[in-house]
C-alpha cells in the first residue's frame, strides 16, 4: 500500500497537484465527494459504517476542510474550483460523515 501511495503522490506532484474538477451548481456534498474525492479516499472507516474519515478535533471544522481541498498536499491534489455553496456542501458532508478524535 505504501508503494502505491508513493506512486500516486509522485504522479500528482508531476501533474502539478491540481484537478480541473468543477462541481455542477447546486451539487450536494455527497455528489461532490463521489465525483472528486472517493477515487482516492476510502468511503468507510473500519467498524464505523457510513463514516468516511477520522478527523482530529482541531481539524473538524469547515475552514480546515476548505483549506485542505483548495491547497492539497503532497499526495492530495488541489481542487480550486470547489467554492462557495458547493464547498460548504462538501465540508458539511465530510464533517457529518467523519469520526472526531
C-alpha atoms as a PDB file:
ATOM      1  CA  UNK A   1       0.000   0.000   0.000  1.00  0.00           C
ATOM      2  CA  UNK A   2       2.821   2.409   0.835  1.00  0.00           C
ATOM      3  CA  UNK A   3       4.376   1.963  -2.614  1.00  0.00           C
ATOM      4  CA  UNK A   4       1.010   2.634  -4.240  1.00  0.00           C
ATOM      5  CA  UNK A   5       0.653   5.901  -2.295  1.00  0.00           C
ATOM      6  CA  UNK A   6       4.196   6.906  -3.256  1.00  0.00           C
ATOM      7  CA  UNK A   7       3.453   6.312  -6.935  1.00  0.00           C
ATOM      8  CA  UNK A   8       0.161   8.220  -6.706  1.00  0.00           C
ATOM      9  CA  UNK A   9       1.861  11.062  -4.848  1.00  0.00           C
ATOM     10  CA  UNK A  10       4.675  11.285  -7.401  1.00  0.00           C
ATOM     11  CA  UNK A  11       2.222  11.244 -10.294  1.00  0.00           C
ATOM     12  CA  UNK A  12       0.167  14.054  -8.742  1.00  0.00           C
ATOM     13  CA  UNK A  13       3.283  16.069  -7.968  1.00  0.00           C
ATOM     14  CA  UNK A  14       4.386  15.758 -11.585  1.00  0.00           C
ATOM     15  CA  UNK A  15       0.869  16.666 -12.756  1.00  0.00           C
ATOM     16  CA  UNK A  16       1.002  19.905 -10.776  1.00  0.00           C
ATOM     17  CA  UNK A  17      -1.124  18.617  -7.897  1.00  0.00           C
ATOM     18  CA  UNK A  18      -4.335  20.115  -9.171  1.00  0.00           C
ATOM     19  CA  UNK A  19      -7.585  18.878 -10.616  1.00  0.00           C
ATOM     20  CA  UNK A  20      -9.795  20.786 -13.002  1.00  0.00           C
ATOM     21  CA  UNK A  21     -12.908  19.233 -11.463  1.00  0.00           C
ATOM     22  CA  UNK A  22     -15.753  21.724 -11.263  1.00  0.00           C
ATOM     23  CA  UNK A  23     -18.919  20.696  -9.437  1.00  0.00           C
ATOM     24  CA  UNK A  24     -22.281  21.339 -11.003  1.00  0.00           C
ATOM     25  CA  UNK A  25     -24.070  24.308  -9.497  1.00  0.00           C
ATOM     26  CA  UNK A  26     -26.171  23.110  -6.586  1.00  0.00           C
ATOM     27  CA  UNK A  27     -24.424  19.726  -6.303  1.00  0.00           C
ATOM     28  CA  UNK A  28     -24.785  18.066  -2.922  1.00  0.00           C
ATOM     29  CA  UNK A  29     -21.791  17.354  -0.714  1.00  0.00           C
ATOM     30  CA  UNK A  30     -22.286  13.651  -1.344  1.00  0.00           C
ATOM     31  CA  UNK A  31     -22.270  14.181  -5.130  1.00  0.00           C
ATOM     32  CA  UNK A  32     -19.107  16.283  -4.952  1.00  0.00           C
ATOM     33  CA  UNK A  33     -17.382  13.759  -2.696  1.00  0.00           C
ATOM     34  CA  UNK A  34     -18.333  10.904  -5.035  1.00  0.00           C
ATOM     35  CA  UNK A  35     -17.032  12.799  -8.085  1.00  0.00           C
ATOM     36  CA  UNK A  36     -13.900  14.446  -6.697  1.00  0.00           C
ATOM     37  CA  UNK A  37     -12.815  12.600  -3.564  1.00  0.00           C
ATOM     38  CA  UNK A  38     -13.954   8.976  -3.467  1.00  0.00           C
ATOM     39  CA  UNK A  39     -11.428   7.888  -6.097  1.00  0.00           C
ATOM     40  CA  UNK A  40      -8.624   8.317  -3.559  1.00  0.00           C
ATOM     41  CA  UNK A  41     -10.370   8.363  -0.181  1.00  0.00           C
ATOM     42  CA  UNK A  42     -11.823   5.275   1.367  1.00  0.00           C
ATOM     43  CA  UNK A  43     -15.562   5.512   1.786  1.00  0.00           C
ATOM     44  CA  UNK A  44     -15.663   3.747   5.130  1.00  0.00           C
ATOM     45  CA  UNK A  45     -13.930   3.787   8.499  1.00  0.00           C
ATOM     46  CA  UNK A  46     -13.395   0.253   9.731  1.00  0.00           C
ATOM     47  CA  UNK A  47     -16.093  -0.693  12.247  1.00  0.00           C
ATOM     48  CA  UNK A  48     -17.994   2.577  11.640  1.00  0.00           C
ATOM     49  CA  UNK A  49     -20.380   2.181   8.696  1.00  0.00           C
ATOM     50  CA  UNK A  50     -21.225   5.410   6.925  1.00  0.00           C
ATOM     51  CA  UNK A  51     -18.144   7.237   8.223  1.00  0.00           C
ATOM     52  CA  UNK A  52     -15.514   8.499   5.763  1.00  0.00           C
ATOM     53  CA  UNK A  53     -12.607   9.691   7.904  1.00  0.00           C
ATOM     54  CA  UNK A  54     -11.335  10.115  11.398  1.00  0.00           C
ATOM     55  CA  UNK A  55     -10.576  13.794  11.954  1.00  0.00           C
ATOM     56  CA  UNK A  56      -8.557  15.254  14.806  1.00  0.00           C
ATOM     57  CA  UNK A  57     -10.809  17.546  16.850  1.00  0.00           C
ATOM     58  CA  UNK A  58      -8.798  20.627  15.884  1.00  0.00           C
ATOM     59  CA  UNK A  59      -9.340  19.819  12.187  1.00  0.00           C
ATOM     60  CA  UNK A  60     -13.058  19.061  12.368  1.00  0.00           C
ATOM     61  CA  UNK A  61     -14.214  22.410  11.031  1.00  0.00           C
ATOM     62  CA  UNK A  62     -15.338  23.708   7.634  1.00  0.00           C
ATOM     63  CA  UNK A  63     -12.402  26.147   7.319  1.00  0.00           C
ATOM     64  CA  UNK A  64      -9.835  23.340   7.697  1.00  0.00           C
ATOM     65  CA  UNK A  65     -11.591  21.170   5.111  1.00  0.00           C
ATOM     66  CA  UNK A  66     -11.909  24.060   2.651  1.00  0.00           C
ATOM     67  CA  UNK A  67      -8.228  24.922   3.054  1.00  0.00           C
ATOM     68  CA  UNK A  68      -7.206  21.286   2.537  1.00  0.00           C
ATOM     69  CA  UNK A  69      -9.377  20.978  -0.587  1.00  0.00           C
ATOM     70  CA  UNK A  70      -8.015  24.229  -2.038  1.00  0.00           C
ATOM     71  CA  UNK A  71      -4.368  23.708  -1.021  1.00  0.00           C
ATOM     72  CA  UNK A  72      -3.982  19.951  -1.432  1.00  0.00           C
ATOM     73  CA  UNK A  73      -0.886  18.252  -0.052  1.00  0.00           C
ATOM     74  CA  UNK A  74       1.963  16.098  -1.251  1.00  0.00           C
ATOM     75  CA  UNK A  75      -0.453  13.285  -2.113  1.00  0.00           C
ATOM     76  CA  UNK A  76      -3.766  15.135  -2.420  1.00  0.00           C
ATOM     77  CA  UNK A  77      -4.297  17.380  -5.461  1.00  0.00           C
ATOM     78  CA  UNK A  78      -5.746  20.872  -5.188  1.00  0.00           C
ATOM     79  CA  UNK A  79      -9.373  21.401  -6.160  1.00  0.00           C
ATOM     80  CA  UNK A  80      -9.504  25.168  -6.767  1.00  0.00           C
ATOM     81  CA  UNK A  81     -12.923  25.135  -8.452  1.00  0.00           C
ATOM     82  CA  UNK A  82     -14.862  23.831  -5.453  1.00  0.00           C
ATOM     83  CA  UNK A  83     -16.035  27.071  -3.856  1.00  0.00           C
ATOM     84  CA  UNK A  84     -18.910  28.844  -2.176  1.00  0.00           C
ATOM     85  CA  UNK A  85     -22.103  26.852  -1.739  1.00  0.00           C
ATOM     86  CA  UNK A  86     -20.527  23.687  -3.142  1.00  0.00           C
ATOM     87  CA  UNK A  87     -17.559  23.933  -0.728  1.00  0.00           C
ATOM     88  CA  UNK A  88     -19.966  24.386   2.171  1.00  0.00           C
ATOM     89  CA  UNK A  89     -21.911  21.337   0.996  1.00  0.00           C
ATOM     90  CA  UNK A  90     -18.736  19.240   0.682  1.00  0.00           C
ATOM     91  CA  UNK A  91     -17.379  20.399   4.053  1.00  0.00           C
ATOM     92  CA  UNK A  92     -20.702  19.646   5.735  1.00  0.00           C
ATOM     93  CA  UNK A  93     -20.833  16.203   4.161  1.00  0.00           C
ATOM     94  CA  UNK A  94     -17.289  15.379   5.269  1.00  0.00           C
ATOM     95  CA  UNK A  95     -17.954  16.625   8.803  1.00  0.00           C
ATOM     96  CA  UNK A  96     -21.266  14.779   9.069  1.00  0.00           C
ATOM     97  CA  UNK A  97     -19.673  11.543   7.900  1.00  0.00           C
ATOM     98  CA  UNK A  98     -16.432  11.627   9.895  1.00  0.00           C
ATOM     99  CA  UNK A  99     -15.471  10.419  13.331  1.00  0.00           C
ATOM    100  CA  UNK A 100     -13.895  13.054  15.543  1.00  0.00           C
ATOM    101  CA  UNK A 101     -10.972  12.280  17.868  1.00  0.00           C
END
